[in-house]
Amino acid sequence: MSSQAAAPRMGAPEWIALLALSSLWGGSFFFYKVLVQELPPFTVVLGRVSIAALALHLLLLARRDPLHLTLQQWKSFLVLGLLNNVIPFSLIAFGEIRIASGSAAILNATTPIFTILVAHFFTSDEKITAAKGVGVLAAFLGVAVLIGPAALSGFGQGDLLGDAACLLAAAVYSLGATYGRRFKGIAPLKIATAQVTAATIILIPLAALVDRPWALPMPSAGAWAALLAIALLSTSLAYLLFFRILAVAGATNLVLVTFLLPGSALILGALFLDETVTLRALMGLVLIGLGLAAIDGRPWGVARRLLDAG
């Protein structure tokens, strides 16, 4: 009888990449909020993925490494583009028209819960363990504490349709993270390029039929800046990190980034906006750290070895 495959582990480079990814994706909630004030959701998402696709194709061209894929591979990338870009990006943009970005961040933090369930049933090496389950719950509680009761109270008073859209986006992200494991043999840059290219192909007719972007007023300079930032930083650069972590550490470890997004926002706010770091925020970060440690497992192993040695 074959033994169960060992679960992927997170090394120091993967943790550093995860922290960088959390900063890049943390900014996307702000950029969405700026963009949806002037543009409809499908147009926002089309702008995001099309600019990202252009940038990544130019990078491949500069590297003299063209994107040669088979028809079957393109079919798979159309599915990946739907799961990782078209559906969740559109749902979040739709949701942020109706709910606060804090509520959207909390709902997005449910992605690991969905991913653990999906990975348990559809992978051989990412099965649910007691430590992993406890870790997810602790980290999710930390996100709720960090965001605070004011944001949580908005769930009952805000637009339930917006809440449902962001929650559904988290569920779809979990499917995309697990489905993306099949592309391990392709370089991360090519995976990212093919994914956003496929998403662009899907979104062009959607935006044309639903939003009629050519009939919309010209966006402001602030909206253009937000669009370039969400495309080049929160998409192109972020997905290069995303697929590198996915190939090494697996889907369940990768979506830990959703727990780090509020922490990234807290640190950036303290550094650049003179925002005060409250005791509640520190408590949330401690809970998130404990949850991540429980999921990764190695800190507890080190602690046990130190106790045994003493």
C-alpha atoms as a PDB file:
ATOM      1  CA  MET A   1       0.000   0.000   0.000  1.00  0.00           C
ATOM      2  CA  SER A   2       1.399   3.424  -0.939  1.00  0.00           C
ATOM      3  CA  SER A   3       1.849   5.986   1.796  1.00  0.00           C
ATOM      4  CA  GLN A   4       0.160   9.371   1.670  1.00  0.00           C
ATOM      5  CA  ALA A   5       2.285  12.008  -0.005  1.00  0.00           C
ATOM      6  CA  ALA A   6       3.980  14.513   2.267  1.00  0.00           C
ATOM      7  CA  ALA A   7       2.359  17.917   2.467  1.00  0.00           C
ATOM      8  CA  PRO A   8       4.284  20.804   0.861  1.00  0.00           C
ATOM      9  CA  ARG A   9       6.218  22.955   3.328  1.00  0.00           C
ATOM     10  CA  MET A  10       6.968  26.680   3.416  1.00  0.00           C
ATOM     11  CA  GLY A  11      10.625  27.693   3.434  1.00  0.00           C
ATOM     12  CA  ALA A  12      12.012  31.156   4.195  1.00  0.00           C
ATOM     13  CA  PRO A  13      11.936  32.274   0.513  1.00  0.00           C
ATOM     14  CA  GLU A  14       8.267  31.245   0.261  1.00  0.00           C
ATOM     15  CA  TRP A  15       7.355  33.168   3.420  1.00  0.00           C
ATOM     16  CA  ILE A  16       9.135  36.277   2.106  1.00  0.00           C
ATOM     17  CA  ALA A  17       7.326  35.937  -1.225  1.00  0.00           C
ATOM     18  CA  LEU A  18       4.027  35.456   0.637  1.00  0.00           C
ATOM     19  CA  LEU A  19       4.547  38.691   2.582  1.00  0.00           C
ATOM     20  CA  ALA A  20       5.364  40.555  -0.634  1.00  0.00           C
ATOM     21  CA  LEU A  21       2.278  39.094  -2.310  1.00  0.00           C
ATOM     22  CA  SER A  22       0.095  40.191   0.609  1.00  0.00           C
ATOM     23  CA  SER A  23       1.300  43.779   0.159  1.00  0.00           C
ATOM     24  CA  LEU A  24       0.621  43.739  -3.580  1.00  0.00           C
ATOM     25  CA  TRP A  25      -2.833  42.199  -3.233  1.00  0.00           C
ATOM     26  CA  GLY A  26      -3.666  44.274  -0.150  1.00  0.00           C
ATOM     27  CA  GLY A  27      -3.537  47.372  -2.320  1.00  0.00           C
ATOM     28  CA  SER A  28      -6.069  45.912  -4.756  1.00  0.00           C
ATOM     29  CA  PHE A  29      -8.973  46.505  -2.338  1.00  0.00           C
ATOM     30  CA  PHE A  30      -8.134  50.204  -2.272  1.00  0.00           C
ATOM     31  CA  PHE A  31      -7.669  50.382  -6.041  1.00  0.00           C
ATOM     32  CA  TYR A  32     -11.011  48.653  -6.623  1.00  0.00           C
ATOM     33  CA  LYS A  33     -12.720  51.179  -4.362  1.00  0.00           C
ATOM     34  CA  VAL A  34     -11.278  54.043  -6.421  1.00  0.00           C
ATOM     35  CA  LEU A  35     -12.141  52.452  -9.760  1.00  0.00           C
ATOM     36  CA  VAL A  36     -15.735  51.346  -9.127  1.00  0.00           C
ATOM     37  CA  GLN A  37     -16.670  54.938  -8.314  1.00  0.00           C
ATOM     38  CA  GLU A  38     -16.140  55.765 -11.993  1.00  0.00           C
ATOM     39  CA  LEU A  39     -16.293  52.515 -13.970  1.00  0.00           C
ATOM     40  CA  PRO A  40     -18.558  49.421 -14.020  1.00  0.00           C
ATOM     41  CA  PRO A  41     -17.164  46.079 -12.759  1.00  0.00           C
ATOM     42  CA  PHE A  42     -16.500  44.243 -16.040  1.00  0.00           C
ATOM     43  CA  THR A  43     -14.698  47.284 -17.468  1.00  0.00           C
ATOM     44  CA  VAL A  44     -12.564  47.584 -14.328  1.00  0.00           C
ATOM     45  CA  VAL A  45     -11.589  43.918 -14.487  1.00  0.00           C
ATOM     46  CA  LEU A  46     -10.979  44.011 -18.252  1.00  0.00           C
ATOM     47  CA  GLY A  47      -8.649  46.974 -17.785  1.00  0.00           C
ATOM     48  CA  ARG A  48      -6.836  45.157 -14.999  1.00  0.00           C
ATOM     49  CA  VAL A  49      -6.186  41.897 -16.857  1.00  0.00           C
ATOM     50  CA  SER A  50      -5.583  43.379 -20.331  1.00  0.00           C
ATOM     51  CA  ILE A  51      -2.907  45.820 -19.146  1.00  0.00           C
ATOM     52  CA  ALA A  52      -1.354  43.042 -17.073  1.00  0.00           C
ATOM     53  CA  ALA A  53      -1.374  40.718 -20.100  1.00  0.00           C
ATOM     54  CA  LEU A  54       0.315  43.339 -22.283  1.00  0.00           C
ATOM     55  CA  ALA A  55       3.020  43.945 -19.668  1.00  0.00           C
ATOM     56  CA  LEU A  56       3.725  40.225 -19.236  1.00  0.00           C
ATOM     57  CA  HIS A  57       3.839  39.582 -23.001  1.00  0.00           C
ATOM     58  CA  LEU A  58       6.344  42.434 -23.349  1.00  0.00           C
ATOM     59  CA  LEU A  59       8.435  40.856 -20.601  1.00  0.00           C
ATOM     60  CA  LEU A  60       8.411  37.511 -22.416  1.00  0.00           C
ATOM     61  CA  LEU A  61       9.370  39.300 -25.634  1.00  0.00           C
ATOM     62  CA  ALA A  62      12.276  41.028 -23.895  1.00  0.00           C
ATOM     63  CA  ARG A  63      13.435  37.657 -22.593  1.00  0.00           C
ATOM     64  CA  ARG A  64      13.089  36.136 -26.096  1.00  0.00           C
ATOM     65  CA  ASP A  65      10.939  33.415 -24.588  1.00  0.00           C
ATOM     66  CA  PRO A  66       7.672  33.338 -26.573  1.00  0.00           C
ATOM     67  CA  LEU A  67       4.503  31.801 -25.178  1.00  0.00           C
ATOM     68  CA  HIS A  68       4.089  28.562 -27.159  1.00  0.00           C
ATOM     69  CA  LEU A  69       1.079  26.607 -25.884  1.00  0.00           C
ATOM     70  CA  THR A  70      -1.000  23.800 -27.342  1.00  0.00           C
ATOM     71  CA  LEU A  71      -4.727  24.127 -27.953  1.00  0.00           C
ATOM     72  CA  GLN A  72      -5.383  21.833 -24.996  1.00  0.00           C
ATOM     73  CA  GLN A  73      -3.231  24.026 -22.763  1.00  0.00           C
ATOM     74  CA  TRP A  74      -5.141  27.135 -23.853  1.00  0.00           C
ATOM     75  CA  LYS A  75      -8.401  25.393 -22.942  1.00  0.00           C
ATOM     76  CA  SER A  76      -7.009  24.742 -19.470  1.00  0.00           C
ATOM     77  CA  PHE A  77      -5.893  28.352 -19.164  1.00  0.00           C
ATOM     78  CA  LEU A  78      -9.376  29.566 -20.084  1.00  0.00           C
ATOM     79  CA  VAL A  79     -10.648  27.625 -17.074  1.00  0.00           C
ATOM     80  CA  LEU A  80      -7.870  29.032 -14.877  1.00  0.00           C
ATOM     81  CA  GLY A  81      -8.581  32.559 -16.114  1.00  0.00           C
ATOM     82  CA  LEU A  82     -12.239  32.136 -15.181  1.00  0.00           C
ATOM     83  CA  LEU A  83     -11.463  30.791 -11.699  1.00  0.00           C
ATOM     84  CA  ASN A  84      -8.572  33.098 -10.777  1.00  0.00           C
ATOM     85  CA  ASN A  85      -9.536  36.292 -12.609  1.00  0.00           C
ATOM     86  CA  VAL A  86     -12.840  36.723 -14.399  1.00  0.00           C
ATOM     87  CA  ILE A  87     -15.246  35.426 -11.761  1.00  0.00           C
ATOM     88  CA  PRO A  88     -13.587  36.497  -8.472  1.00  0.00           C
ATOM     89  CA  PHE A  89     -12.306  39.867  -9.753  1.00  0.00           C
ATOM     90  CA  SER A  90     -15.749  40.736 -11.111  1.00  0.00           C
ATOM     91  CA  LEU A  91     -17.488  39.609  -7.916  1.00  0.00           C
ATOM     92  CA  ILE A  92     -15.179  41.696  -5.727  1.00  0.00           C
ATOM     93  CA  ALA A  93     -15.584  44.761  -7.945  1.00  0.00           C
ATOM     94  CA  PHE A  94     -19.359  44.252  -7.850  1.00  0.00           C
ATOM     95  CA  GLY A  95     -19.285  43.749  -4.084  1.00  0.00           C
ATOM     96  CA  GLU A  96     -17.165  46.818  -3.344  1.00  0.00           C
ATOM     97  CA  ILE A  97     -19.798  49.029  -4.948  1.00  0.00           C
ATOM     98  CA  ARG A  98     -22.080  47.942  -2.108  1.00  0.00           C
ATOM     99  CA  ILE A  99     -19.970  47.167   0.978  1.00  0.00           C
ATOM    100  CA  ALA A 100     -16.957  48.615   2.776  1.00  0.00           C
ATOM    101  CA  SER A 101     -13.484  47.423   1.862  1.00  0.00           C
ATOM    102  CA  GLY A 102     -13.025  46.226   5.478  1.00  0.00           C
ATOM    103  CA  SER A 103     -15.967  43.878   5.139  1.00  0.00           C
ATOM    104  CA  ALA A 104     -14.616  42.681   1.779  1.00  0.00           C
ATOM    105  CA  ALA A 105     -11.245  41.919   3.381  1.00  0.00           C
ATOM    106  CA  ILE A 106     -12.849  39.821   6.119  1.00  0.00           C
ATOM    107  CA  LEU A 107     -14.912  37.887   3.600  1.00  0.00           C
ATOM    108  CA  ASN A 108     -11.820  37.362   1.443  1.00  0.00           C
ATOM    109  CA  ALA A 109     -10.079  35.850   4.476  1.00  0.00           C
ATOM    110  CA  THR A 110     -12.437  32.866   4.289  1.00  0.00           C
ATOM    111  CA  THR A 111     -10.554  31.646   1.191  1.00  0.00           C
ATOM    112  CA  PRO A 112      -8.260  29.267   3.158  1.00  0.00           C
ATOM    113  CA  ILE A 113     -11.280  27.630   4.763  1.00  0.00           C
ATOM    114  CA  PHE A 114     -12.750  26.868   1.340  1.00  0.00           C
ATOM    115  CA  THR A 115      -9.332  25.867  -0.013  1.00  0.00           C
ATOM    116  CA  ILE A 116      -8.635  23.370   2.762  1.00  0.00           C
ATOM    117  CA  LEU A 117     -11.942  21.673   1.975  1.00  0.00           C
ATOM    118  CA  VAL A 118     -11.334  21.688  -1.785  1.00  0.00           C
ATOM    119  CA  ALA A 119      -7.706  20.522  -1.463  1.00  0.00           C
ATOM    120  CA  HIS A 120      -8.719  17.754   0.946  1.00  0.00           C
ATOM    121  CA  PHE A 121     -11.011  16.172  -1.654  1.00  0.00           C
ATOM    122  CA  PHE A 122      -9.085  16.920  -4.857  1.00  0.00           C
ATOM    123  CA  THR A 123      -5.387  16.545  -3.907  1.00  0.00           C
ATOM    124  CA  SER A 124      -3.316  13.706  -2.474  1.00  0.00           C
ATOM    125  CA  ASP A 125      -0.907  15.758  -0.381  1.00  0.00           C
ATOM    126  CA  GLU A 126      -2.995  18.510   1.253  1.00  0.00           C
ATOM    127  CA  LYS A 127      -5.361  16.635   3.542  1.00  0.00           C
ATOM    128  CA  ILE A 128      -7.081  18.266   6.501  1.00  0.00           C
ATOM    129  CA  THR A 129      -5.317  17.804   9.828  1.00  0.00           C
ATOM    130  CA  ALA A 130      -6.368  18.862  13.306  1.00  0.00           C
ATOM    131  CA  ALA A 131      -3.551  21.419  13.520  1.00  0.00           C
ATOM    132  CA  LYS A 132      -4.436  22.877  10.135  1.00  0.00           C
ATOM    133  CA  GLY A 133      -8.099  23.217  11.074  1.00  0.00           C
ATOM    134  CA  VAL A 134      -7.292  24.899  14.390  1.00  0.00           C
ATOM    135  CA  GLY A 135      -4.802  27.173  12.646  1.00  0.00           C
ATOM    136  CA  VAL A 136      -7.321  28.349  10.068  1.00  0.00           C
ATOM    137  CA  LEU A 137      -9.904  29.134  12.748  1.00  0.00           C
ATOM    138  CA  ALA A 138      -7.351  31.013  14.881  1.00  0.00           C
ATOM    139  CA  ALA A 139      -6.106  33.033  11.924  1.00  0.00           C
ATOM    140  CA  PHE A 140      -9.650  33.865  10.789  1.00  0.00           C
ATOM    141  CA  LEU A 141     -10.457  35.055  14.316  1.00  0.00           C
ATOM    142  CA  GLY A 142      -7.320  37.196  14.195  1.00  0.00           C
ATOM    143  CA  VAL A 143      -8.492  38.864  10.984  1.00  0.00           C
ATOM    144  CA  ALA A 144     -11.872  39.617  12.582  1.00  0.00           C
ATOM    145  CA  VAL A 145     -10.196  41.086  15.685  1.00  0.00           C
ATOM    146  CA  LEU A 146      -7.778  43.153  13.592  1.00  0.00           C
ATOM    147  CA  ILE A 147     -10.500  44.659  11.405  1.00  0.00           C
ATOM    148  CA  GLY A 148     -12.635  45.316  14.492  1.00  0.00           C
ATOM    149  CA  PRO A 149     -16.296  45.212  15.488  1.00  0.00           C
ATOM    150  CA  ALA A 150     -17.167  48.327  13.475  1.00  0.00           C
ATOM    151  CA  ALA A 151     -16.529  46.530  10.197  1.00  0.00           C
ATOM    152  CA  LEU A 152     -18.205  43.366  11.435  1.00  0.00           C
ATOM    153  CA  SER A 153     -21.359  45.276  12.342  1.00  0.00           C
ATOM    154  CA  GLY A 154     -21.599  46.404   8.733  1.00  0.00           C
ATOM    155  CA  PHE A 155     -22.519  42.891   7.617  1.00  0.00           C
ATOM    156  CA  GLY A 156     -26.043  43.142   8.933  1.00  0.00           C
ATOM    157  CA  GLN A 157     -26.631  46.703   7.763  1.00  0.00           C
ATOM    158  CA  GLY A 158     -24.921  46.686   4.398  1.00  0.00           C
ATOM    159  CA  ASP A 159     -25.966  45.249   1.090  1.00  0.00           C
ATOM    160  CA  LEU A 160     -26.312  41.487   1.514  1.00  0.00           C
ATOM    161  CA  LEU A 161     -25.804  41.069  -2.213  1.00  0.00           C
ATOM    162  CA  GLY A 162     -22.374  42.668  -1.886  1.00  0.00           C
ATOM    163  CA  ASP A 163     -21.507  40.406   1.053  1.00  0.00           C
ATOM    164  CA  ALA A 164     -22.595  37.336  -0.912  1.00  0.00           C
ATOM    165  CA  ALA A 165     -20.559  38.399  -3.963  1.00  0.00           C
ATOM    166  CA  CYS A 166     -17.326  38.731  -1.964  1.00  0.00           C
ATOM    167  CA  LEU A 167     -17.943  35.474  -0.125  1.00  0.00           C
ATOM    168  CA  LEU A 168     -18.548  33.673  -3.425  1.00  0.00           C
ATOM    169  CA  ALA A 169     -15.337  35.210  -4.794  1.00  0.00           C
ATOM    170  CA  ALA A 170     -13.425  33.623  -1.890  1.00  0.00           C
ATOM    171  CA  ALA A 171     -14.931  30.231  -2.710  1.00  0.00           C
ATOM    172  CA  VAL A 172     -13.996  30.554  -6.395  1.00  0.00           C
ATOM    173  CA  TYR A 173     -10.437  31.595  -5.485  1.00  0.00           C
ATOM    174  CA  SER A 174     -10.082  28.310  -3.608  1.00  0.00           C
ATOM    175  CA  LEU A 175     -11.015  26.396  -6.757  1.00  0.00           C
ATOM    176  CA  GLY A 176      -8.509  28.410  -8.788  1.00  0.00           C
ATOM    177  CA  ALA A 177      -5.679  27.811  -6.310  1.00  0.00           C
ATOM    178  CA  THR A 178      -6.266  24.060  -6.414  1.00  0.00           C
ATOM    179  CA  TYR A 179      -6.795  23.897 -10.199  1.00  0.00           C
ATOM    180  CA  GLY A 180      -3.572  25.867 -10.743  1.00  0.00           C
ATOM    181  CA  ARG A 181      -1.489  22.980  -9.389  1.00  0.00           C
ATOM    182  CA  ARG A 182      -1.690  21.224 -12.766  1.00  0.00           C
ATOM    183  CA  PHE A 183       0.575  23.820 -14.406  1.00  0.00           C
ATOM    184  CA  LYS A 184       3.722  22.920 -12.440  1.00  0.00           C
ATOM    185  CA  GLY A 185       5.688  22.073 -15.584  1.00  0.00           C
ATOM    186  CA  ILE A 186       5.267  25.583 -17.036  1.00  0.00           C
ATOM    187  CA  ALA A 187       7.348  28.582 -15.913  1.00  0.00           C
ATOM    188  CA  PRO A 188       5.496  30.927 -13.501  1.00  0.00           C
ATOM    189  CA  LEU A 189       5.886  33.868 -15.898  1.00  0.00           C
ATOM    190  CA  LYS A 190       4.208  31.917 -18.698  1.00  0.00           C
ATOM    191  CA  ILE A 191       1.404  30.706 -16.433  1.00  0.00           C
ATOM    192  CA  ALA A 192       0.670  34.265 -15.314  1.00  0.00           C
ATOM    193  CA  THR A 193       0.795  35.552 -18.897  1.00  0.00           C
ATOM    194  CA  ALA A 194      -1.463  32.837 -20.301  1.00  0.00           C
ATOM    195  CA  GLN A 195      -3.948  33.191 -17.439  1.00  0.00           C
ATOM    196  CA  VAL A 196      -4.505  36.943 -17.776  1.00  0.00           C
ATOM    197  CA  THR A 197      -4.504  36.637 -21.573  1.00  0.00           C
ATOM    198  CA  ALA A 198      -7.254  34.017 -21.380  1.00  0.00           C
ATOM    199  CA  ALA A 199      -9.171  36.209 -18.914  1.00  0.00           C
ATOM    200  CA  THR A 200      -8.881  39.158 -21.318  1.00  0.00           C
ATOM    201  CA  ILE A 201     -10.298  37.074 -24.164  1.00  0.00           C
ATOM    202  CA  ILE A 202     -13.297  36.120 -22.011  1.00  0.00           C
ATOM    203  CA  LEU A 203     -13.895  39.649 -20.696  1.00  0.00           C
ATOM    204  CA  ILE A 204     -13.790  41.568 -23.992  1.00  0.00           C
ATOM    205  CA  PRO A 205     -17.260  40.400 -25.150  1.00  0.00           C
ATOM    206  CA  LEU A 206     -18.653  40.551 -21.584  1.00  0.00           C
ATOM    207  CA  ALA A 207     -17.600  44.178 -21.067  1.00  0.00           C
ATOM    208  CA  ALA A 208     -18.746  45.116 -24.579  1.00  0.00           C
ATOM    209  CA  LEU A 209     -22.216  43.626 -24.116  1.00  0.00           C
ATOM    210  CA  VAL A 210     -22.848  44.678 -20.511  1.00  0.00           C
ATOM    211  CA  ASP A 211     -20.880  47.889 -19.913  1.00  0.00           C
ATOM    212  CA  ARG A 212     -20.437  49.415 -23.391  1.00  0.00           C
ATOM    213  CA  PRO A 213     -17.152  51.033 -22.237  1.00  0.00           C
ATOM    214  CA  TRP A 214     -16.818  53.201 -25.353  1.00  0.00           C
ATOM    215  CA  ALA A 215     -19.921  55.096 -24.222  1.00  0.00           C
ATOM    216  CA  LEU A 216     -18.590  55.811 -20.702  1.00  0.00           C
ATOM    217  CA  PRO A 217     -17.106  59.182 -19.645  1.00  0.00           C
ATOM    218  CA  MET A 218     -13.308  59.419 -19.703  1.00  0.00           C
ATOM    219  CA  PRO A 219     -11.936  58.285 -16.308  1.00  0.00           C
ATOM    220  CA  SER A 220     -10.104  60.755 -14.095  1.00  0.00           C
ATOM    221  CA  ALA A 221      -6.324  60.813 -13.660  1.00  0.00           C
ATOM    222  CA  GLY A 222      -6.766  59.129 -10.264  1.00  0.00           C
ATOM    223  CA  ALA A 223      -8.728  56.289 -11.826  1.00  0.00           C
ATOM    224  CA  TRP A 224      -6.073  55.792 -14.517  1.00  0.00           C
ATOM    225  CA  ALA A 225      -3.366  55.687 -11.841  1.00  0.00           C
ATOM    226  CA  ALA A 226      -5.357  53.125  -9.842  1.00  0.00           C
ATOM    227  CA  LEU A 227      -5.906  51.030 -12.982  1.00  0.00           C
ATOM    228  CA  LEU A 228      -2.198  50.978 -13.829  1.00  0.00           C
ATOM    229  CA  ALA A 229      -1.314  50.108 -10.227  1.00  0.00           C
ATOM    230  CA  ILE A 230      -3.829  47.280  -9.935  1.00  0.00           C
ATOM    231  CA  ALA A 231      -2.749  45.890 -13.320  1.00  0.00           C
ATOM    232  CA  LEU A 232       1.031  46.160 -13.045  1.00  0.00           C
ATOM    233  CA  LEU A 233       1.556  45.666  -9.304  1.00  0.00           C
ATOM    234  CA  SER A 234      -1.485  43.815  -7.961  1.00  0.00           C
ATOM    235  CA  THR A 235      -1.759  41.560 -11.044  1.00  0.00           C
ATOM    236  CA  SER A 236       1.387  41.206 -13.199  1.00  0.00           C
ATOM    237  CA  LEU A 237       3.955  41.222 -10.412  1.00  0.00           C
ATOM    238  CA  ALA A 238       1.641  39.547  -7.917  1.00  0.00           C
ATOM    239  CA  TYR A 239       0.919  36.556 -10.135  1.00  0.00           C
ATOM    240  CA  LEU A 240       4.613  35.942 -10.742  1.00  0.00           C
ATOM    241  CA  LEU A 241       4.905  35.464  -6.977  1.00  0.00           C
ATOM    242  CA  PHE A 242       1.589  33.583  -6.799  1.00  0.00           C
ATOM    243  CA  PHE A 243       2.594  30.783  -9.172  1.00  0.00           C
ATOM    244  CA  ARG A 244       6.071  30.476  -7.716  1.00  0.00           C
ATOM    245  CA  ILE A 245       4.626  29.901  -4.231  1.00  0.00           C
ATOM    246  CA  LEU A 246       1.940  27.576  -5.593  1.00  0.00           C
ATOM    247  CA  ALA A 247       4.497  25.354  -7.340  1.00  0.00           C
ATOM    248  CA  VAL A 248       6.629  24.993  -4.211  1.00  0.00           C
ATOM    249  CA  ALA A 249       4.247  25.221  -1.261  1.00  0.00           C
ATOM    250  CA  GLY A 250       0.810  24.112  -2.512  1.00  0.00           C
ATOM    251  CA  ALA A 251      -2.658  25.625  -2.610  1.00  0.00           C
ATOM    252  CA  THR A 252      -3.444  25.565   1.114  1.00  0.00           C
ATOM    253  CA  ASN A 253      -0.225  27.345   2.087  1.00  0.00           C
ATOM    254  CA  LEU A 254      -0.601  29.852  -0.747  1.00  0.00           C
ATOM    255  CA  VAL A 255      -3.991  31.178   0.333  1.00  0.00           C
ATOM    256  CA  LEU A 256      -2.573  32.082   3.746  1.00  0.00           C
ATOM    257  CA  VAL A 257      -1.903  35.382   1.970  1.00  0.00           C
ATOM    258  CA  THR A 258      -5.560  36.299   2.593  1.00  0.00           C
ATOM    259  CA  PHE A 259      -4.840  36.401   6.333  1.00  0.00           C
ATOM    260  CA  LEU A 260      -1.844  38.681   5.799  1.00  0.00           C
ATOM    261  CA  LEU A 261      -3.686  41.332   3.751  1.00  0.00           C
ATOM    262  CA  PRO A 262      -5.064  43.238   6.786  1.00  0.00           C
ATOM    263  CA  GLY A 263      -1.657  43.087   8.462  1.00  0.00           C
ATOM    264  CA  SER A 264      -0.013  44.524   5.369  1.00  0.00           C
ATOM    265  CA  ALA A 265      -2.545  47.351   5.330  1.00  0.00           C
ATOM    266  CA  LEU A 266      -1.866  48.064   9.017  1.00  0.00           C
ATOM    267  CA  ILE A 267       1.909  48.282   8.499  1.00  0.00           C
ATOM    268  CA  LEU A 268       1.620  50.449   5.372  1.00  0.00           C
ATOM    269  CA  GLY A 269      -0.832  52.759   7.162  1.00  0.00           C
ATOM    270  CA  ALA A 270       1.524  53.178  10.123  1.00  0.00           C
ATOM    271  CA  LEU A 271       4.522  53.876   7.861  1.00  0.00           C
ATOM    272  CA  PHE A 272       2.971  56.218   5.301  1.00  0.00           C
ATOM    273  CA  LEU A 273      -0.272  57.592   6.782  1.00  0.00           C
ATOM    274  CA  ASP A 274       0.716  58.121  10.460  1.00  0.00           C
ATOM    275  CA  GLU A 275      -2.041  55.751  11.540  1.00  0.00           C
ATOM    276  CA  THR A 276      -1.937  54.487  15.142  1.00  0.00           C
ATOM    277  CA  VAL A 277      -1.344  50.789  15.771  1.00  0.00           C
ATOM    278  CA  THR A 278      -3.966  49.887  18.367  1.00  0.00           C
ATOM    279  CA  LEU A 279      -3.898  47.119  20.971  1.00  0.00           C
ATOM    280  CA  ARG A 280      -6.768  45.415  19.139  1.00  0.00           C
ATOM    281  CA  ALA A 281      -4.732  45.391  15.944  1.00  0.00           C
ATOM    282  CA  LEU A 282      -1.729  43.888  17.722  1.00  0.00           C
ATOM    283  CA  MET A 283      -3.965  41.199  19.247  1.00  0.00           C
ATOM    284  CA  GLY A 284      -5.260  40.384  15.787  1.00  0.00           C
ATOM    285  CA  LEU A 285      -1.755  40.070  14.403  1.00  0.00           C
ATOM    286  CA  VAL A 286      -0.769  37.740  17.266  1.00  0.00           C
ATOM    287  CA  LEU A 287      -3.756  35.483  16.548  1.00  0.00           C
ATOM    288  CA  ILE A 288      -2.931  35.461  12.844  1.00  0.00           C
ATOM    289  CA  GLY A 289       0.671  34.560  13.643  1.00  0.00           C
ATOM    290  CA  LEU A 290      -0.425  31.697  15.886  1.00  0.00           C
ATOM    291  CA  GLY A 291      -2.760  30.438  13.182  1.00  0.00           C
ATOM    292  CA  LEU A 292      -0.041  30.531  10.544  1.00  0.00           C
ATOM    293  CA  ALA A 293       2.321  28.712  12.918  1.00  0.00           C
ATOM    294  CA  ALA A 294      -0.285  25.999  13.530  1.00  0.00           C
ATOM    295  CA  ILE A 295      -0.846  25.503   9.803  1.00  0.00           C
ATOM    296  CA  ASP A 296       2.875  25.425   8.981  1.00  0.00           C
ATOM    297  CA  GLY A 297       3.672  23.171  11.954  1.00  0.00           C
ATOM    298  CA  ARG A 298       7.410  23.740  12.183  1.00  0.00           C
ATOM    299  CA  PRO A 299       7.446  26.322  15.034  1.00  0.00           C
ATOM    300  CA  TRP A 300       5.742  23.791  17.311  1.00  0.00           C
ATOM    301  CA  GLY A 301       8.293  21.147  16.276  1.00  0.00           C
ATOM    302  CA  VAL A 302      11.157  23.517  17.163  1.00  0.00           C
ATOM    303  CA  ALA A 303       9.504  24.280  20.518  1.00  0.00           C
ATOM    304  CA  ARG A 304       9.125  20.571  21.308  1.00  0.00           C
ATOM    305  CA  ARG A 305      12.757  19.899  20.452  1.00  0.00           C
ATOM    306  CA  LEU A 306      13.872  22.748  22.716  1.00  0.00           C
ATOM    307  CA  LEU A 307      11.753  21.423  25.563  1.00  0.00           C
ATOM    308  CA  ASP A 308      13.090  17.903  25.070  1.00  0.00           C
ATOM    309  CA  ALA A 309      16.645  19.215  25.000  1.00  0.00           C
ATOM    310  CA  GLY A 310      16.048  21.134  28.237  1.00  0.00           C
END
